[in-house]
N, C-alpha and C. Protein backbone atom coordinates (compact mmCIF):
# COMPACT_ATOMS: atom_id res chain seq x y z
N MET A 1 -42.00 -90.05 -130.77
CA MET A 1 -42.17 -91.22 -129.96
C MET A 1 -40.85 -91.64 -129.31
N ASN A 2 -39.77 -91.72 -130.09
CA ASN A 2 -38.48 -92.11 -129.55
C ASN A 2 -37.93 -91.07 -128.59
N ARG A 3 -38.20 -89.78 -128.87
CA ARG A 3 -37.76 -88.73 -127.94
C ARG A 3 -38.40 -88.93 -126.58
N GLY A 4 -39.69 -89.23 -126.57
CA GLY A 4 -40.39 -89.48 -125.31
C GLY A 4 -39.85 -90.68 -124.58
N LEU A 5 -39.49 -91.71 -125.32
CA LEU A 5 -38.92 -92.92 -124.72
C LEU A 5 -37.59 -92.61 -124.05
N VAL A 6 -36.72 -91.90 -124.76
CA VAL A 6 -35.41 -91.55 -124.20
C VAL A 6 -35.58 -90.64 -122.99
N LEU A 7 -36.42 -89.63 -123.10
CA LEU A 7 -36.63 -88.70 -121.99
C LEU A 7 -37.20 -89.42 -120.77
N SER A 8 -38.13 -90.31 -120.97
CA SER A 8 -38.71 -91.03 -119.83
C SER A 8 -37.69 -91.95 -119.17
N ARG A 9 -36.79 -92.56 -119.95
CA ARG A 9 -35.75 -93.41 -119.38
C ARG A 9 -34.78 -92.59 -118.54
N VAL A 10 -34.41 -91.40 -119.04
CA VAL A 10 -33.49 -90.56 -118.28
C VAL A 10 -34.17 -90.09 -116.99
N LYS A 11 -35.44 -89.71 -117.08
CA LYS A 11 -36.18 -89.30 -115.88
C LYS A 11 -36.22 -90.43 -114.85
N ALA A 12 -36.47 -91.64 -115.30
CA ALA A 12 -36.61 -92.78 -114.40
C ALA A 12 -35.27 -93.31 -113.89
N ASP A 13 -34.26 -93.34 -114.74
CA ASP A 13 -33.01 -94.02 -114.41
C ASP A 13 -31.80 -93.11 -114.23
N GLY A 14 -31.94 -91.82 -114.54
CA GLY A 14 -30.79 -90.92 -114.56
C GLY A 14 -30.16 -90.71 -113.21
N PRO A 15 -28.91 -90.28 -113.19
CA PRO A 15 -28.04 -90.07 -114.34
C PRO A 15 -27.71 -91.38 -115.05
N ILE A 16 -27.67 -91.31 -116.36
CA ILE A 16 -27.50 -92.50 -117.19
C ILE A 16 -26.65 -92.14 -118.41
N SER A 17 -25.85 -93.08 -118.86
CA SER A 17 -24.99 -92.86 -120.03
C SER A 17 -25.76 -93.14 -121.32
N ARG A 18 -25.21 -92.66 -122.43
CA ARG A 18 -25.82 -92.95 -123.73
C ARG A 18 -25.84 -94.46 -124.01
N ALA A 19 -24.76 -95.14 -123.65
CA ALA A 19 -24.70 -96.59 -123.87
C ALA A 19 -25.78 -97.31 -123.07
N ASP A 20 -26.02 -96.87 -121.84
CA ASP A 20 -27.08 -97.48 -121.04
C ASP A 20 -28.46 -97.15 -121.62
N LEU A 21 -28.60 -95.97 -122.22
CA LEU A 21 -29.86 -95.62 -122.89
C LEU A 21 -30.11 -96.54 -124.08
N VAL A 22 -29.05 -96.85 -124.82
CA VAL A 22 -29.18 -97.77 -125.96
C VAL A 22 -29.70 -99.11 -125.46
N ARG A 23 -29.10 -99.62 -124.39
CA ARG A 23 -29.52 -100.91 -123.84
C ARG A 23 -30.95 -100.85 -123.29
N ALA A 24 -31.28 -99.76 -122.61
CA ALA A 24 -32.60 -99.65 -121.96
C ALA A 24 -33.74 -99.45 -122.96
N THR A 25 -33.45 -98.78 -124.08
CA THR A 25 -34.51 -98.46 -125.03
C THR A 25 -34.57 -99.40 -126.23
N GLY A 26 -33.44 -100.05 -126.53
CA GLY A 26 -33.39 -100.90 -127.72
C GLY A 26 -33.21 -100.12 -129.01
N LEU A 27 -32.98 -98.82 -128.90
CA LEU A 27 -32.77 -97.98 -130.08
C LEU A 27 -31.32 -98.08 -130.54
N ALA A 28 -31.07 -97.71 -131.77
CA ALA A 28 -29.71 -97.72 -132.32
C ALA A 28 -28.88 -96.62 -131.66
N LYS A 29 -27.56 -96.84 -131.60
CA LYS A 29 -26.66 -95.84 -131.01
C LYS A 29 -26.81 -94.49 -131.67
N ALA A 30 -26.87 -94.47 -133.00
CA ALA A 30 -26.99 -93.20 -133.73
C ALA A 30 -28.30 -92.50 -133.40
N THR A 31 -29.37 -93.26 -133.26
CA THR A 31 -30.67 -92.68 -132.93
C THR A 31 -30.63 -92.05 -131.55
N VAL A 32 -30.09 -92.76 -130.58
CA VAL A 32 -29.98 -92.23 -129.21
C VAL A 32 -29.11 -90.99 -129.20
N SER A 33 -28.01 -91.01 -129.93
CA SER A 33 -27.11 -89.86 -129.97
C SER A 33 -27.80 -88.62 -130.52
N VAL A 34 -28.54 -88.77 -131.61
CA VAL A 34 -29.26 -87.63 -132.20
C VAL A 34 -30.31 -87.11 -131.24
N ILE A 35 -31.08 -88.01 -130.64
CA ILE A 35 -32.14 -87.59 -129.71
C ILE A 35 -31.55 -86.90 -128.49
N VAL A 36 -30.48 -87.45 -127.93
CA VAL A 36 -29.85 -86.84 -126.76
C VAL A 36 -29.35 -85.44 -127.11
N ASP A 37 -28.71 -85.29 -128.27
CA ASP A 37 -28.23 -83.97 -128.69
C ASP A 37 -29.39 -82.98 -128.79
N GLU A 38 -30.53 -83.42 -129.33
CA GLU A 38 -31.71 -82.55 -129.44
C GLU A 38 -32.23 -82.16 -128.06
N LEU A 39 -32.29 -83.13 -127.15
CA LEU A 39 -32.81 -82.86 -125.81
C LEU A 39 -31.87 -81.97 -125.00
N VAL A 40 -30.57 -82.12 -125.21
CA VAL A 40 -29.60 -81.23 -124.56
C VAL A 40 -29.76 -79.81 -125.11
N ALA A 41 -29.89 -79.68 -126.43
CA ALA A 41 -30.07 -78.36 -127.05
C ALA A 41 -31.36 -77.70 -126.58
N ALA A 42 -32.39 -78.50 -126.31
CA ALA A 42 -33.67 -77.96 -125.84
C ALA A 42 -33.65 -77.65 -124.35
N GLY A 43 -32.58 -78.02 -123.66
CA GLY A 43 -32.47 -77.75 -122.23
C GLY A 43 -33.16 -78.76 -121.34
N LEU A 44 -33.61 -79.88 -121.91
CA LEU A 44 -34.29 -80.89 -121.10
C LEU A 44 -33.33 -81.87 -120.44
N LEU A 45 -32.17 -82.08 -121.06
CA LEU A 45 -31.14 -82.93 -120.48
C LEU A 45 -29.87 -82.11 -120.29
N VAL A 46 -29.11 -82.46 -119.25
CA VAL A 46 -27.80 -81.85 -119.02
C VAL A 46 -26.79 -82.95 -118.74
N GLU A 47 -25.54 -82.66 -119.04
CA GLU A 47 -24.48 -83.59 -118.71
C GLU A 47 -24.20 -83.45 -117.21
N ALA A 48 -24.18 -84.59 -116.52
CA ALA A 48 -24.09 -84.59 -115.06
C ALA A 48 -22.79 -85.20 -114.57
N GLY A 49 -21.75 -85.11 -115.35
CA GLY A 49 -20.47 -85.66 -114.94
C GLY A 49 -20.13 -86.91 -115.74
N VAL A 50 -19.15 -87.65 -115.23
CA VAL A 50 -18.71 -88.86 -115.92
C VAL A 50 -18.86 -90.05 -114.99
N GLY A 51 -19.13 -91.20 -115.59
CA GLY A 51 -19.27 -92.44 -114.84
C GLY A 51 -17.96 -93.18 -114.78
N ALA A 52 -18.01 -94.34 -114.17
CA ALA A 52 -16.82 -95.17 -114.04
C ALA A 52 -16.50 -95.84 -115.37
N THR A 53 -15.22 -95.98 -115.65
CA THR A 53 -14.77 -96.69 -116.85
C THR A 53 -15.02 -98.18 -116.66
N SER A 54 -15.39 -98.85 -117.73
CA SER A 54 -15.64 -100.29 -117.65
C SER A 54 -14.33 -101.05 -117.42
N ALA A 55 -14.44 -102.31 -117.09
CA ALA A 55 -13.26 -103.15 -116.85
C ALA A 55 -12.40 -103.27 -118.10
N ARG A 56 -13.01 -103.07 -119.28
CA ARG A 56 -12.26 -103.16 -120.53
C ARG A 56 -11.51 -101.87 -120.84
N GLY A 57 -11.70 -100.84 -120.04
CA GLY A 57 -11.03 -99.57 -120.29
C GLY A 57 -11.84 -98.67 -121.19
N GLY A 58 -11.18 -97.74 -121.83
CA GLY A 58 -11.87 -96.80 -122.72
C GLY A 58 -12.22 -95.52 -122.01
N ARG A 59 -12.90 -94.65 -122.75
CA ARG A 59 -13.31 -93.37 -122.18
C ARG A 59 -14.41 -93.58 -121.15
N PRO A 60 -14.39 -92.79 -120.08
CA PRO A 60 -15.49 -92.88 -119.13
C PRO A 60 -16.76 -92.32 -119.76
N PRO A 61 -17.91 -92.89 -119.46
CA PRO A 61 -19.16 -92.42 -120.07
C PRO A 61 -19.61 -91.08 -119.49
N VAL A 62 -20.18 -90.24 -120.34
CA VAL A 62 -20.79 -88.99 -119.89
C VAL A 62 -22.19 -89.33 -119.41
N LEU A 63 -22.51 -88.93 -118.19
CA LEU A 63 -23.82 -89.22 -117.63
C LEU A 63 -24.78 -88.07 -117.92
N LEU A 64 -26.02 -88.42 -118.20
CA LEU A 64 -27.06 -87.45 -118.53
C LEU A 64 -28.13 -87.49 -117.46
N ARG A 65 -28.67 -86.33 -117.14
CA ARG A 65 -29.80 -86.28 -116.22
C ARG A 65 -30.84 -85.31 -116.74
N TYR A 66 -32.05 -85.49 -116.29
CA TYR A 66 -33.18 -84.63 -116.66
C TYR A 66 -33.05 -83.30 -115.93
N ASP A 67 -33.28 -82.21 -116.63
CA ASP A 67 -33.28 -80.87 -116.03
C ASP A 67 -34.66 -80.27 -116.24
N GLY A 68 -35.54 -80.53 -115.31
CA GLY A 68 -36.93 -80.10 -115.44
C GLY A 68 -37.16 -78.62 -115.30
N ARG A 69 -36.09 -77.85 -115.02
CA ARG A 69 -36.28 -76.40 -114.87
C ARG A 69 -36.71 -75.74 -116.17
N SER A 70 -36.46 -76.40 -117.30
CA SER A 70 -36.83 -75.79 -118.58
C SER A 70 -38.27 -76.09 -118.97
N GLU A 71 -38.94 -76.96 -118.23
CA GLU A 71 -40.35 -77.25 -118.49
C GLU A 71 -41.19 -76.58 -117.42
N LEU A 72 -42.24 -75.91 -117.82
CA LEU A 72 -43.18 -75.34 -116.87
C LEU A 72 -44.51 -76.06 -116.98
N LEU A 73 -45.05 -76.38 -115.84
CA LEU A 73 -46.36 -77.02 -115.77
C LEU A 73 -47.31 -76.03 -115.11
N VAL A 74 -48.46 -75.85 -115.69
CA VAL A 74 -49.44 -74.91 -115.17
C VAL A 74 -50.74 -75.65 -114.92
N GLY A 75 -51.26 -75.47 -113.72
CA GLY A 75 -52.56 -76.05 -113.39
C GLY A 75 -53.52 -74.94 -113.01
N VAL A 76 -54.72 -74.99 -113.54
CA VAL A 76 -55.72 -73.97 -113.25
C VAL A 76 -57.02 -74.66 -112.86
N HIS A 77 -57.57 -74.23 -111.74
CA HIS A 77 -58.88 -74.71 -111.31
C HIS A 77 -59.83 -73.52 -111.31
N VAL A 78 -60.86 -73.61 -112.13
CA VAL A 78 -61.85 -72.54 -112.21
C VAL A 78 -63.08 -73.01 -111.45
N GLY A 79 -63.34 -72.37 -110.33
CA GLY A 79 -64.50 -72.71 -109.52
C GLY A 79 -65.58 -71.65 -109.63
N VAL A 80 -66.66 -71.89 -108.95
CA VAL A 80 -67.78 -70.95 -108.97
C VAL A 80 -67.41 -69.65 -108.25
N GLN A 81 -66.73 -69.76 -107.10
CA GLN A 81 -66.43 -68.57 -106.31
C GLN A 81 -65.00 -68.07 -106.47
N ARG A 82 -64.10 -68.91 -106.94
CA ARG A 82 -62.71 -68.45 -107.11
C ARG A 82 -61.98 -69.32 -108.13
N THR A 83 -60.88 -68.77 -108.60
CA THR A 83 -60.01 -69.46 -109.54
C THR A 83 -58.64 -69.59 -108.91
N THR A 84 -58.03 -70.76 -109.02
CA THR A 84 -56.71 -71.01 -108.45
C THR A 84 -55.78 -71.48 -109.56
N ALA A 85 -54.56 -70.94 -109.55
CA ALA A 85 -53.55 -71.35 -110.53
C ALA A 85 -52.28 -71.75 -109.80
N THR A 86 -51.61 -72.75 -110.33
CA THR A 86 -50.34 -73.22 -109.78
C THR A 86 -49.35 -73.38 -110.92
N VAL A 87 -48.12 -72.97 -110.68
CA VAL A 87 -47.05 -73.13 -111.66
C VAL A 87 -45.91 -73.88 -111.00
N ALA A 88 -45.37 -74.87 -111.69
CA ALA A 88 -44.23 -75.64 -111.19
C ALA A 88 -43.32 -75.99 -112.35
N THR A 89 -42.08 -76.29 -112.03
CA THR A 89 -41.16 -76.77 -113.06
C THR A 89 -41.38 -78.26 -113.24
N GLY A 90 -40.81 -78.80 -114.30
CA GLY A 90 -40.93 -80.22 -114.57
C GLY A 90 -40.31 -81.08 -113.49
N SER A 91 -39.39 -80.50 -112.70
CA SER A 91 -38.78 -81.25 -111.61
C SER A 91 -39.52 -81.05 -110.29
N GLY A 92 -40.66 -80.38 -110.33
CA GLY A 92 -41.50 -80.24 -109.15
C GLY A 92 -41.23 -79.04 -108.28
N GLU A 93 -40.39 -78.13 -108.70
CA GLU A 93 -40.10 -76.94 -107.90
C GLU A 93 -41.17 -75.89 -108.07
């Protein structure tokens, strides 16, 4: 459930930092960190550069974005006279 929440936030708001994901989802920092690491390992998220440093300084945030190339969507329509199939990536390619 939390994985889906994080993934949907990145899809909707990305590129987005882990800190922004914590604020957007209400999940704990550690939970977001574990989920992001899992989604990166699965190829669903990629690091998309760094964001601007806050006015208080510190390290610039690593931005994450959805990489739908690792998801395949298949649609099949079976009709009386013919069958049609379509394949696309999660990003619509």
